[in-house]
N, C-alpha and C. Protein backbone atom coordinates (compact mmCIF):
# COMPACT_ATOMS: atom_id res chain seq x y z
N UNK A 1 112.23 62.62 76.82
CA UNK A 1 113.17 62.31 75.47
C UNK A 1 113.32 63.67 74.97
N UNK A 2 114.02 64.26 73.71
CA UNK A 2 113.94 65.33 72.91
C UNK A 2 112.22 65.79 72.24
N UNK A 3 111.21 65.23 72.03
CA UNK A 3 110.54 65.54 71.46
C UNK A 3 109.33 65.66 72.95
N UNK A 4 110.09 64.86 74.16
CA UNK A 4 109.01 65.59 75.00
C UNK A 4 109.59 66.74 75.50
N UNK A 5 110.99 67.13 75.33
CA UNK A 5 111.33 68.31 75.82
C UNK A 5 110.53 69.40 74.92
N UNK A 6 110.65 69.09 73.38
CA UNK A 6 109.93 70.30 72.73
C UNK A 6 108.57 70.10 72.73
N UNK A 7 107.82 69.05 72.60
CA UNK A 7 106.22 69.42 72.79
C UNK A 7 105.74 70.14 74.50
N UNK A 8 106.76 69.59 75.29
CA UNK A 8 106.55 71.42 76.28
C UNK A 8 106.99 72.33 76.24
N UNK A 9 107.94 72.74 75.56
CA UNK A 9 108.40 73.76 75.39
C UNK A 9 107.35 74.41 74.89
N UNK A 10 106.68 73.69 73.55
CA UNK A 10 105.48 74.77 72.31
C UNK A 10 105.14 74.64 73.24
N UNK A 11 104.25 73.62 74.73
CA UNK A 11 103.05 74.36 74.82
C UNK A 11 103.20 75.44 75.96
N UNK A 12 104.70 75.47 76.68
CA UNK A 12 104.88 76.78 77.65
C UNK A 12 105.17 77.93 76.41
N UNK A 13 105.27 77.89 75.24
CA UNK A 13 105.33 79.26 74.69
C UNK A 13 103.74 79.33 73.97
N UNK A 14 103.51 78.60 73.97
CA UNK A 14 101.85 78.61 73.40
C UNK A 14 100.80 79.40 74.56
N UNK A 15 101.15 78.83 76.11
CA UNK A 15 100.60 79.40 77.10
C UNK A 15 100.91 81.00 77.65
N UNK A 16 102.18 81.37 77.37
CA UNK A 16 103.10 82.41 77.87
C UNK A 16 102.55 83.07 76.38
N UNK A 17 102.26 83.38 75.32
CA UNK A 17 101.76 84.14 74.96
C UNK A 17 100.63 84.21 74.45
N UNK A 18 99.60 83.39 75.10
CA UNK A 18 98.08 83.66 75.08
C UNK A 18 98.10 84.73 76.79
N UNK A 19 98.97 83.87 77.29
CA UNK A 19 98.71 84.86 78.96
C UNK A 19 99.62 86.50 78.78
N UNK A 20 100.66 86.64 77.60
CA UNK A 20 100.83 87.68 77.38
C UNK A 20 99.83 88.58 76.68
N UNK A 21 99.61 88.19 75.30
CA UNK A 21 98.34 88.30 74.52
C UNK A 21 97.23 88.97 75.63
N UNK A 22 96.94 87.96 77.14
CA UNK A 22 95.41 89.08 77.65
C UNK A 22 96.09 90.50 79.12
N UNK A 23 97.41 90.05 79.04
CA UNK A 23 97.83 91.34 79.98
C UNK A 23 98.45 92.22 79.23
N UNK A 24 98.48 92.56 77.59
CA UNK A 24 99.14 93.32 77.09
C UNK A 24 97.93 94.48 76.70
N UNK A 25 98.77 95.84 76.68
CA UNK A 25 97.83 97.03 77.00
C UNK A 25 96.83 96.82 75.75
N UNK A 26 97.63 96.78 74.74
CA UNK A 26 97.19 96.68 73.46
C UNK A 26 95.55 95.31 73.24
N UNK A 27 94.23 95.71 73.36
CA UNK A 27 93.27 94.44 72.54
C UNK A 27 93.12 94.95 71.53
N UNK A 28 92.06 93.93 70.76
CA UNK A 28 91.59 94.35 69.67
C UNK A 28 90.88 93.44 70.36
N UNK A 29 89.27 93.09 69.24
CA UNK A 29 87.91 92.35 69.86
C UNK A 29 86.82 92.97 68.71
N UNK A 30 85.86 91.97 68.89
CA UNK A 30 84.33 92.55 68.07
C UNK A 30 83.28 92.93 68.92
N UNK A 31 82.75 93.56 68.36
CA UNK A 31 81.44 94.59 69.60
C UNK A 31 79.88 94.32 68.36
N UNK A 32 78.62 94.13 69.14
CA UNK A 32 77.42 94.53 68.45
C UNK A 32 76.92 94.77 69.90
N UNK A 33 75.55 95.26 69.14
CA UNK A 33 74.76 96.34 69.84
C UNK A 33 73.75 96.56 69.68
N UNK A 34 72.52 97.22 70.32
CA UNK A 34 71.31 98.25 69.95
C UNK A 34 71.55 99.43 70.07
N UNK A 35 71.23 100.79 69.40
CA UNK A 35 70.85 101.52 70.13
C UNK A 35 69.32 102.16 70.01
N UNK A 36 68.42 102.91 70.44
CA UNK A 36 67.84 104.18 70.34
C UNK A 36 67.89 104.87 70.58
N UNK A 37 67.68 105.45 69.00
CA UNK A 37 67.89 106.77 68.13
C UNK A 37 66.31 107.71 68.36
N UNK A 38 66.20 109.29 68.71
CA UNK A 38 65.44 110.31 68.21
C UNK A 38 66.20 111.71 67.61
N UNK A 39 65.34 112.29 67.47
CA UNK A 39 65.65 113.08 66.56
C UNK A 39 65.55 115.02 68.02
N UNK A 40 66.55 115.85 67.98
CA UNK A 40 66.35 117.03 68.62
C UNK A 40 65.81 118.01 66.84
N UNK A 41 64.79 118.76 67.69
CA UNK A 41 64.66 119.92 65.98
C UNK A 41 64.76 121.24 66.83
N UNK A 42 64.87 122.02 65.52
CA UNK A 42 65.35 123.30 65.31
C UNK A 42 63.74 124.08 65.77
N UNK A 43 62.88 123.19 65.46
CA UNK A 43 61.45 123.98 65.35
C UNK A 43 60.32 123.05 66.32
N UNK A 44 59.85 123.98 67.95
CA UNK A 44 58.91 123.24 68.18
C UNK A 44 57.33 122.29 67.79
N UNK A 45 57.57 123.08 66.57
CA UNK A 45 56.90 122.47 66.20
C UNK A 45 56.83 121.15 65.28
N UNK A 46 58.31 120.33 65.50
CA UNK A 46 58.33 118.96 64.83
C UNK A 46 58.79 118.42 66.20
N UNK A 47 58.56 116.72 66.37
CA UNK A 47 59.23 116.08 67.54
C UNK A 47 59.51 114.62 67.21
N UNK A 48 60.02 114.32 67.94
CA UNK A 48 60.33 112.49 67.40
C UNK A 48 60.28 111.71 68.61
N UNK A 49 59.71 110.21 68.15
CA UNK A 49 59.91 109.20 68.57
C UNK A 49 60.79 108.30 68.43
N UNK A 50 61.06 107.66 69.81
CA UNK A 50 62.43 106.78 69.28
C UNK A 50 61.71 105.72 68.78
N UNK A 51 63.36 105.38 68.31
CA UNK A 51 63.03 103.98 67.32
C UNK A 51 63.95 103.19 67.35
N UNK A 52 64.15 102.22 67.54
CA UNK A 52 65.24 101.09 67.98
C UNK A 52 66.32 100.16 66.69
N UNK A 53 67.34 100.64 66.52
CA UNK A 53 68.45 100.08 65.54
C UNK A 53 69.22 99.04 66.16
N UNK A 54 70.58 98.82 65.16
CA UNK A 54 71.69 97.78 65.78
C UNK A 54 72.79 98.23 64.89
N UNK A 55 73.89 98.03 65.71
CA UNK A 55 75.09 98.28 65.48
C UNK A 55 76.59 97.23 65.54
N UNK A 56 77.27 96.90 64.62
CA UNK A 56 78.40 95.69 65.38
C UNK A 56 79.36 96.62 64.13
N UNK A 57 81.02 95.64 64.87
CA UNK A 57 81.66 95.58 63.81
C UNK A 57 83.39 95.25 65.42
N UNK A 58 84.17 96.14 64.65
CA UNK A 58 85.68 95.35 65.22
C UNK A 58 85.86 96.92 65.98
N UNK A 59 86.60 96.66 67.10
CA UNK A 59 87.12 97.72 67.71
C UNK A 59 88.92 97.06 68.29
N UNK A 60 89.43 98.52 69.02
CA UNK A 60 91.00 98.17 69.34
C UNK A 60 90.64 99.52 70.69
N UNK A 61 91.77 98.49 71.61
CA UNK A 61 91.59 99.36 72.80
C UNK A 61 93.24 98.99 73.78
N UNK A 62 93.83 100.35 74.29
CA UNK A 62 94.83 100.77 74.48
C UNK A 62 94.54 101.51 76.01
N UNK A 63 95.13 100.27 77.44
CA UNK A 63 94.83 101.09 78.63
C UNK A 63 96.34 101.32 79.34
N UNK A 64 96.96 102.13 79.94
CA UNK A 64 98.17 101.77 80.31
C UNK A 64 97.70 100.96 81.87
N UNK A 65 99.13 100.26 81.96
CA UNK A 65 98.65 99.71 82.64
C UNK A 65 99.31 101.27 84.09
N UNK A 66 98.89 100.27 85.37
CA UNK A 66 99.10 101.46 86.68
C UNK A 66 98.10 102.16 87.07
N UNK A 67 97.92 103.49 85.64
CA UNK A 67 97.22 104.37 85.99
C UNK A 67 95.78 104.20 85.87
N UNK A 68 96.13 103.39 84.84
CA UNK A 68 94.33 102.72 83.85
C UNK A 68 93.61 103.37 83.46
N UNK A 69 94.38 104.39 82.35
CA UNK A 69 93.95 106.11 81.37
C UNK A 69 94.26 104.46 79.97
N UNK A 70 93.19 105.37 79.30
CA UNK A 70 93.57 105.21 77.88
C UNK A 70 92.74 105.64 77.32
N UNK A 71 92.38 104.62 76.17
CA UNK A 71 91.33 104.65 74.72
C UNK A 71 91.18 103.55 74.15
N UNK A 72 89.75 103.81 72.94
CA UNK A 72 89.21 102.53 72.72
C UNK A 72 88.47 103.22 71.35
N UNK A 73 88.30 102.58 70.14
CA UNK A 73 87.86 103.30 68.83
C UNK A 73 87.54 101.84 68.56
N UNK A 74 86.49 102.23 67.61
CA UNK A 74 85.21 101.02 66.81
C UNK A 74 84.90 101.26 65.30
N UNK A 75 84.87 100.73 64.85
CA UNK A 75 84.98 100.33 63.56
C UNK A 75 83.63 99.71 63.11
N UNK A 76 82.41 100.35 62.69
CA UNK A 76 80.67 99.96 62.83
C UNK A 76 80.39 100.19 61.70
N UNK A 77 79.65 99.10 61.69
CA UNK A 77 78.13 98.86 60.96
C UNK A 77 77.46 99.85 61.39
N UNK A 78 76.11 101.06 60.98
CA UNK A 78 74.83 101.26 61.95
C UNK A 78 73.84 101.91 61.45
N UNK A 79 72.68 100.95 61.81
CA UNK A 79 71.46 101.57 61.59
C UNK A 79 70.43 102.88 62.55
N UNK A 80 70.57 103.52 62.04
CA UNK A 80 70.09 104.79 63.40
C UNK A 80 67.85 104.68 62.39
N UNK A 81 67.23 104.75 63.10
CA UNK A 81 65.69 105.09 62.75
C UNK A 81 65.46 105.82 63.71
N UNK A 82 64.40 106.99 63.03
CA UNK A 82 62.91 107.84 64.23
C UNK A 82 61.99 108.19 63.58
N UNK A 83 61.16 108.21 64.30
CA UNK A 83 59.86 108.55 64.06
C UNK A 83 59.63 110.23 63.78
N UNK A 84 59.54 110.85 62.83
CA UNK A 84 58.98 112.21 62.96
C UNK A 84 57.84 112.89 62.55
N UNK A 85 57.70 113.54 63.25
CA UNK A 85 55.89 114.00 63.06
C UNK A 85 56.05 115.64 63.63
N UNK A 86 54.48 115.72 63.12
CA UNK A 86 54.07 116.78 62.73
C UNK A 86 53.67 117.53 64.23
N UNK A 87 53.61 117.91 65.85
CA UNK A 87 53.16 118.07 66.59
C UNK A 87 51.80 118.60 66.57
N UNK A 88 51.30 119.62 65.83
CA UNK A 88 49.93 119.69 65.28
C UNK A 88 48.96 119.20 65.12
N UNK A 89 49.66 118.59 64.08
CA UNK A 89 48.95 117.55 63.20
C UNK A 89 48.61 116.31 63.56
N UNK A 90 50.29 116.17 64.70
CA UNK A 90 49.65 114.26 65.82
C UNK A 90 48.50 114.81 66.68
N UNK A 91 48.31 116.32 67.16
CA UNK A 91 47.18 116.74 68.39
C UNK A 91 45.99 116.08 67.12
N UNK A 92 45.81 116.27 66.05
CA UNK A 92 44.93 116.98 65.77
C UNK A 92 44.72 115.36 64.87
N UNK A 93 45.46 114.96 63.98
CA UNK A 93 44.93 113.37 64.05
C UNK A 93 45.48 112.27 64.46
N UNK A 94 45.79 112.49 65.19
CA UNK A 94 47.29 111.33 66.02
C UNK A 94 48.06 110.27 65.50
N UNK A 95 49.16 111.08 65.16
CA UNK A 95 50.14 110.81 64.27
C UNK A 95 49.90 110.42 63.06
N UNK A 96 49.00 110.76 61.92
CA UNK A 96 48.76 111.01 61.20
C UNK A 96 50.24 111.40 59.38
N UNK A 97 50.60 112.29 60.28
CA UNK A 97 52.09 112.83 58.96
C UNK A 97 53.58 112.30 59.45
N UNK A 98 53.03 111.37 60.59
CA UNK A 98 54.69 110.61 60.83
C UNK A 98 55.39 109.63 59.43
N UNK A 99 56.64 109.90 59.88
CA UNK A 99 57.51 109.85 59.16
C UNK A 99 58.70 109.04 59.60
N UNK A 100 59.00 107.69 59.19
CA UNK A 100 60.45 107.09 59.50
C UNK A 100 61.38 107.46 58.87
N UNK A 101 62.33 107.92 59.76
CA UNK A 101 63.49 108.70 58.75
C UNK A 101 64.29 107.21 59.72
N UNK A 102 65.14 106.72 58.69
CA UNK A 102 65.88 105.85 58.50
C UNK A 102 67.60 106.51 57.86
N UNK A 103 68.74 105.33 58.26
CA UNK A 103 69.78 105.80 58.60
C UNK A 103 70.89 104.77 58.75
N UNK A 104 72.12 104.43 57.57
CA UNK A 104 72.76 103.03 57.26
C UNK A 104 74.66 104.24 57.22
N UNK A 105 74.56 103.34 58.70
CA UNK A 105 75.77 104.57 58.25
C UNK A 105 77.28 103.79 59.02
N UNK A 106 78.79 103.92 58.45
CA UNK A 106 79.46 103.71 59.30
C UNK A 106 79.99 104.49 60.17
N UNK A 107 80.03 104.23 61.19
CA UNK A 107 80.19 104.93 62.84
C UNK A 107 81.56 104.56 62.82
N UNK A 108 83.02 105.31 63.87
CA UNK A 108 83.67 105.87 64.44
C UNK A 108 84.11 106.41 65.45
N UNK A 109 83.53 105.63 66.70
CA UNK A 109 83.74 106.27 68.11
C UNK A 109 84.81 105.62 68.30
N UNK A 110 85.52 107.23 68.91
CA UNK A 110 87.06 107.04 69.39
C UNK A 110 87.14 107.73 70.90
N UNK A 111 86.65 107.22 72.19
CA UNK A 111 86.62 107.52 73.73
C UNK A 111 88.19 106.90 74.43
N UNK A 112 87.76 107.95 75.28
CA UNK A 112 89.32 108.56 75.83
C UNK A 112 88.46 107.32 77.21
N UNK A 113 88.83 106.77 77.72
CA UNK A 113 88.29 105.69 79.04
C UNK A 113 89.33 105.22 80.45
N UNK A 114 88.90 105.53 81.57
CA UNK A 114 89.59 104.95 82.77
C UNK A 114 89.23 103.78 83.29
N UNK A 115 89.36 103.23 83.58
CA UNK A 115 89.46 101.91 83.90
C UNK A 115 89.80 101.80 85.85
N UNK A 116 88.35 102.26 86.37
CA UNK A 116 88.03 101.91 87.78
C UNK A 116 88.90 100.15 87.95
N UNK A 117 90.63 100.37 89.04
CA UNK A 117 90.67 99.58 89.34
C UNK A 117 89.71 99.02 91.25
N UNK A 118 89.37 97.48 90.92
CA UNK A 118 89.39 97.39 92.48
C UNK A 118 90.03 96.49 93.16
N UNK A 119 90.18 96.20 94.46
CA UNK A 119 91.09 95.43 95.07
C UNK A 119 89.64 94.37 95.28
N UNK A 120 91.04 93.05 94.86
CA UNK A 120 89.99 91.95 95.29
C UNK A 120 89.97 90.98 93.85
N UNK A 121 88.52 91.90 94.03
CA UNK A 121 87.28 91.22 92.32
C UNK A 121 87.94 92.50 90.97
N UNK A 122 89.48 93.45 90.94
CA UNK A 122 89.93 93.67 89.91
C UNK A 122 89.89 92.62 88.72
N UNK A 123 90.78 91.68 89.19
CA UNK A 123 90.66 91.42 88.16
C UNK A 123 89.82 90.21 87.49
N UNK A 124 88.66 89.86 88.16
CA UNK A 124 87.27 89.39 87.48
C UNK A 124 86.47 90.54 87.43
N UNK A 125 86.35 91.25 87.54
CA UNK A 125 85.39 92.85 87.23
C UNK A 125 85.83 93.77 87.52
N UNK A 126 85.79 94.66 86.22
CA UNK A 126 86.55 96.31 86.28
C UNK A 126 86.03 96.81 85.97
N UNK A 127 85.08 98.07 86.21
CA UNK A 127 83.94 99.18 85.83
C UNK A 127 84.85 100.08 85.19
N UNK A 128 84.63 100.24 83.77
CA UNK A 128 85.10 101.63 83.28
C UNK A 128 84.10 102.80 83.04
N UNK A 129 84.96 104.10 82.35
CA UNK A 129 84.15 105.20 81.85
C UNK A 129 84.93 105.19 80.60
N UNK A 130 83.49 105.87 79.85
CA UNK A 130 84.75 106.31 78.94
C UNK A 130 83.55 107.57 78.12
N UNK A 131 84.71 108.54 77.32
CA UNK A 131 84.16 109.91 76.79
C UNK A 131 84.70 110.03 75.58
N UNK A 132 84.34 110.97 74.41
CA UNK A 132 84.93 111.17 73.36
C UNK A 132 84.19 111.15 71.83
N UNK A 133 84.94 111.94 70.89
CA UNK A 133 83.52 112.34 69.50
C UNK A 133 83.86 110.79 68.93
N UNK A 134 82.61 111.02 68.63
CA UNK A 134 81.62 109.94 67.41
C UNK A 134 81.49 110.44 66.27
N UNK A 135 82.32 110.45 65.27
CA UNK A 135 82.11 110.08 63.06
C UNK A 135 81.38 108.83 62.67
N UNK A 136 80.32 109.51 62.36
CA UNK A 136 79.42 109.15 60.94
C UNK A 136 79.42 109.54 59.63
N UNK A 137 79.69 108.19 58.63
CA UNK A 137 79.48 108.81 57.42
C UNK A 137 78.22 107.71 56.82
N UNK A 138 76.77 108.84 56.84
CA UNK A 138 75.91 108.00 55.55
C UNK A 138 76.62 107.01 54.26
N UNK A 139 76.22 105.68 54.46
CA UNK A 139 76.25 105.11 53.40
C UNK A 139 74.68 104.87 52.90
N UNK A 140 73.25 105.11 53.72
CA UNK A 140 72.13 104.97 53.05
C UNK A 140 71.76 106.26 51.94
N UNK A 141 71.16 106.11 51.79
CA UNK A 141 70.28 107.60 50.59
C UNK A 141 69.96 108.52 51.22
N UNK A 142 70.36 109.51 50.86
CA UNK A 142 70.31 110.84 51.64
C UNK A 142 68.48 111.29 51.79
N UNK A 143 68.12 110.87 50.62
CA UNK A 143 66.34 111.22 50.94
C UNK A 143 65.90 110.59 51.27
N UNK A 144 64.34 110.78 51.90
CA UNK A 144 64.07 109.75 52.57
C UNK A 144 62.58 109.72 52.33
N UNK A 145 62.00 109.42 51.39
CA UNK A 145 60.39 109.57 51.11
C UNK A 145 60.11 110.88 51.07
N UNK A 146 61.05 111.58 50.06
CA UNK A 146 60.51 113.35 49.78
C UNK A 146 60.37 113.69 50.88
N UNK A 147 60.89 113.81 52.06
CA UNK A 147 60.36 114.20 53.67
C UNK A 147 61.80 114.86 53.65
N UNK A 148 62.51 113.68 54.35
CA UNK A 148 63.67 114.71 54.63
C UNK A 148 65.12 114.03 54.05
N UNK A 149 65.77 114.55 54.48
CA UNK A 149 67.47 115.38 53.37
C UNK A 149 68.29 114.27 54.52
N UNK A 150 69.09 113.25 54.88
CA UNK A 150 70.17 112.94 55.69
C UNK A 150 71.02 113.75 55.17
N UNK A 151 72.46 114.23 56.25
CA UNK A 151 73.68 114.49 55.94
C UNK A 151 74.75 113.18 55.94
N UNK A 152 75.51 113.93 54.52
CA UNK A 152 76.33 112.51 54.38
C UNK A 152 77.19 112.77 55.83
N UNK A 153 77.03 113.39 56.90
CA UNK A 153 78.03 112.72 56.98
C UNK A 153 77.77 113.60 59.19
N UNK A 154 77.77 113.07 60.28
CA UNK A 154 77.29 113.16 61.50
C UNK A 154 78.57 113.14 62.26
N UNK A 155 78.36 114.07 63.48
CA UNK A 155 79.24 114.19 64.53
C UNK A 155 78.14 114.61 65.64
N UNK A 156 78.64 113.34 66.83
CA UNK A 156 77.83 113.47 68.30
C UNK A 156 79.72 113.78 69.19
N UNK A 157 79.36 113.53 70.29
CA UNK A 157 79.92 113.55 71.45
C UNK A 157 79.40 112.18 72.63
N UNK A 158 80.31 111.13 72.88
CA UNK A 158 80.06 110.06 73.62
C UNK A 158 80.12 110.03 75.19
N UNK A 159 79.40 109.54 75.81
CA UNK A 159 79.59 109.65 77.30
C UNK A 159 78.96 108.24 77.74
N UNK A 160 79.86 107.46 78.57
CA UNK A 160 79.11 105.93 78.44
C UNK A 160 80.38 105.82 79.96
N UNK A 161 79.76 104.29 80.02
CA UNK A 161 80.23 103.72 81.46
C UNK A 161 79.83 101.85 81.18
N UNK A 162 80.78 101.34 81.94
CA UNK A 162 80.43 99.81 81.28
C UNK A 162 80.87 98.90 82.17
N UNK A 163 81.36 97.90 82.12
CA UNK A 163 82.81 97.12 82.96
C UNK A 163 82.70 96.25 82.05
N UNK A 164 83.59 95.45 82.51
CA UNK A 164 84.73 94.47 82.16
C UNK A 164 84.65 93.02 82.39
N UNK A 165 84.48 92.16 82.25
CA UNK A 165 84.39 91.20 82.92
C UNK A 165 85.04 90.14 82.52
N UNK A 166 86.30 89.13 83.64
CA UNK A 166 87.30 88.18 83.77
C UNK A 166 88.06 88.28 82.04
N UNK A 167 88.67 89.83 82.08
CA UNK A 167 89.61 90.78 80.85
C UNK A 167 88.63 90.36 79.55
N UNK A 168 87.88 89.61 79.37
CA UNK A 168 87.40 88.99 78.02
C UNK A 168 86.35 89.46 77.62
N UNK A 169 85.08 90.19 78.15
CA UNK A 169 83.78 90.22 77.72
C UNK A 169 83.71 91.92 78.16
N UNK A 170 83.16 92.90 77.46
CA UNK A 170 83.30 94.22 78.33
C UNK A 170 81.08 94.27 77.67
N UNK A 171 80.72 94.83 78.50
CA UNK A 171 79.01 95.46 78.83
C UNK A 171 79.40 96.75 78.89
N UNK A 172 79.25 97.30 77.68
CA UNK A 172 78.91 99.01 78.26
C UNK A 172 77.10 99.34 77.73
N UNK A 173 77.22 100.58 78.15
CA UNK A 173 76.39 101.69 77.37
C UNK A 173 76.67 103.31 77.45
N UNK A 174 75.74 103.83 76.30
CA UNK A 174 77.05 104.85 75.71
C UNK A 174 75.70 105.75 75.50
N UNK A 175 75.56 107.09 75.50
CA UNK A 175 74.49 108.48 75.08
C UNK A 175 75.13 108.99 74.32
N UNK A 176 75.21 109.15 72.87
CA UNK A 176 75.41 110.15 71.45
C UNK A 176 74.36 111.72 71.99
N UNK A 177 75.53 112.74 71.76
CA UNK A 177 74.64 113.69 72.00
C UNK A 177 75.26 114.22 70.57
N UNK A 178 74.21 114.48 69.84
CA UNK A 178 74.55 114.88 68.61
C UNK A 178 75.58 116.28 68.57
N UNK A 179 76.37 116.68 68.28
CA UNK A 179 77.13 118.25 68.10
C UNK A 179 76.64 118.80 65.74
N UNK A 180 75.90 117.96 65.68
CA UNK A 180 75.38 119.25 64.19
C UNK A 180 74.22 117.95 63.35
N UNK A 181 73.58 118.90 62.54
CA UNK A 181 72.56 118.85 61.58
C UNK A 181 73.03 117.03 60.94
N UNK A 182 71.42 116.29 61.77
CA UNK A 182 72.01 115.19 61.21
C UNK A 182 70.85 114.86 59.49
N UNK A 183 69.97 115.55 59.40
CA UNK A 183 68.50 115.64 58.64
C UNK A 183 67.88 117.35 58.60
N UNK A 184 67.73 117.37 57.71
CA UNK A 184 67.09 118.69 57.52
C UNK A 184 65.56 118.31 56.30
N UNK A 185 64.25 119.28 56.70
CA UNK A 185 63.07 118.51 55.74
C UNK A 185 63.52 119.68 54.54
N UNK A 186 62.53 118.42 53.77
CA UNK A 186 62.67 119.30 52.78
C UNK A 186 61.50 120.80 52.41
N UNK A 187 62.27 121.54 51.88
CA UNK A 187 61.71 122.68 52.14
C UNK A 187 60.22 123.39 51.48
N UNK A 188 59.96 122.52 49.96
CA UNK A 188 59.09 122.23 49.70
C UNK A 188 57.54 121.78 50.31
N UNK A 189 57.85 121.01 51.35
CA UNK A 189 57.06 120.77 52.06
C UNK A 189 57.32 121.65 53.59
N UNK A 190 57.92 122.09 54.23
CA UNK A 190 58.06 122.71 55.72
C UNK A 190 58.52 124.18 55.25
N UNK A 191 58.12 124.68 53.79
CA UNK A 191 58.18 125.97 54.29
C UNK A 191 59.90 126.47 53.76
N UNK A 192 59.80 128.05 53.83
CA UNK A 192 61.48 128.37 53.29
C UNK A 192 62.03 128.26 54.84
N UNK A 193 61.58 128.15 56.21
CA UNK A 193 62.46 128.20 57.13
C UNK A 193 63.10 126.88 57.32
N UNK A 194 63.87 126.62 57.35
CA UNK A 194 64.74 125.01 57.81
C UNK A 194 64.07 124.60 58.58
N UNK A 195 64.25 122.94 58.58
CA UNK A 195 63.84 122.34 60.02
C UNK A 195 64.80 121.53 59.73
N UNK A 196 66.06 121.53 60.92
CA UNK A 196 67.34 120.31 60.83
C UNK A 196 66.28 119.86 61.83
N UNK A 197 67.20 118.61 62.25
CA UNK A 197 67.42 117.91 63.55
C UNK A 197 68.73 117.15 63.94
N UNK A 198 68.90 116.84 65.33
CA UNK A 198 70.25 116.83 65.59
C UNK A 198 69.66 114.89 65.75
N UNK A 199 71.14 114.37 65.67
CA UNK A 199 70.35 112.69 66.82
C UNK A 199 70.84 112.84 68.13
N UNK A 200 69.79 112.13 68.89
CA UNK A 200 70.47 111.30 69.92
C UNK A 200 70.26 110.18 70.51
N UNK A 201 70.73 109.75 70.66
CA UNK A 201 70.83 107.91 71.23
C UNK A 201 71.72 107.39 72.15
N UNK A 202 70.69 106.72 72.45
CA UNK A 202 71.54 105.50 73.31
C UNK A 202 72.24 104.65 72.66
N UNK A 203 73.17 103.88 73.00
CA UNK A 203 73.69 102.93 72.32
C UNK A 203 74.08 101.66 73.89
N UNK A 204 74.23 100.06 73.80
CA UNK A 204 73.84 99.21 74.42
C UNK A 204 75.12 98.23 73.77
N UNK A 205 76.28 97.62 74.19
CA UNK A 205 76.76 97.10 73.88
C UNK A 205 77.34 96.09 74.42
N UNK A 206 77.77 94.24 73.60
CA UNK A 206 78.12 93.65 74.19
C UNK A 206 79.35 93.54 73.21
N UNK A 207 81.47 93.38 74.00
CA UNK A 207 82.44 93.37 73.15
C UNK A 207 83.04 91.82 73.20
N UNK A 208 84.06 90.82 72.86
CA UNK A 208 84.19 90.14 73.14
C UNK A 208 85.99 90.75 72.24
N UNK A 209 86.73 90.24 73.69
CA UNK A 209 88.33 90.65 73.25
C UNK A 209 89.43 89.69 73.09
N UNK A 210 90.20 89.67 72.12
CA UNK A 210 91.14 88.64 72.27
C UNK A 210 92.14 88.96 72.59
């Protein structure tokens, strides 16, 4: 009948659209995960202990067929924290002078990526490598407990790897190497010589692609 034919046509159209979306080089998705952050200082008198945070947001991805090269970019809300202390005072007092340096950012990592095409299992599991710049814009207060001043803008370079499962789920890990100072010590507390720190962070995420 005409109605049956129309329903069959609609079903084929929807199925075809879903398949085309899955095969499209452009993909969109949502992403969430955790990060482990520390700070690297220009002064040996200061050090940092790892502290965990979180991240989440949306992403877009493009991978050219056949050559398997492309990019991905994300818009994320990210919270990072590190525990900073004076090495000399820590040795004498056992972490007495430690300060938690927390920061909330809008983070925009932009990665070049290469998908490693695997025979037979490539439709189900695809490893990939990523690298690229990471831009972070501070949302939280600049001053931390009258001790540290967070910078309004931070930049890092990411190196990462991961795996895509059944073309829908991506599990990834990356290391961010800070390229500029993300925080500085209050000169009233730490003297005339500036104490600056760069972020170093591992990020582990899971993403769902549409």
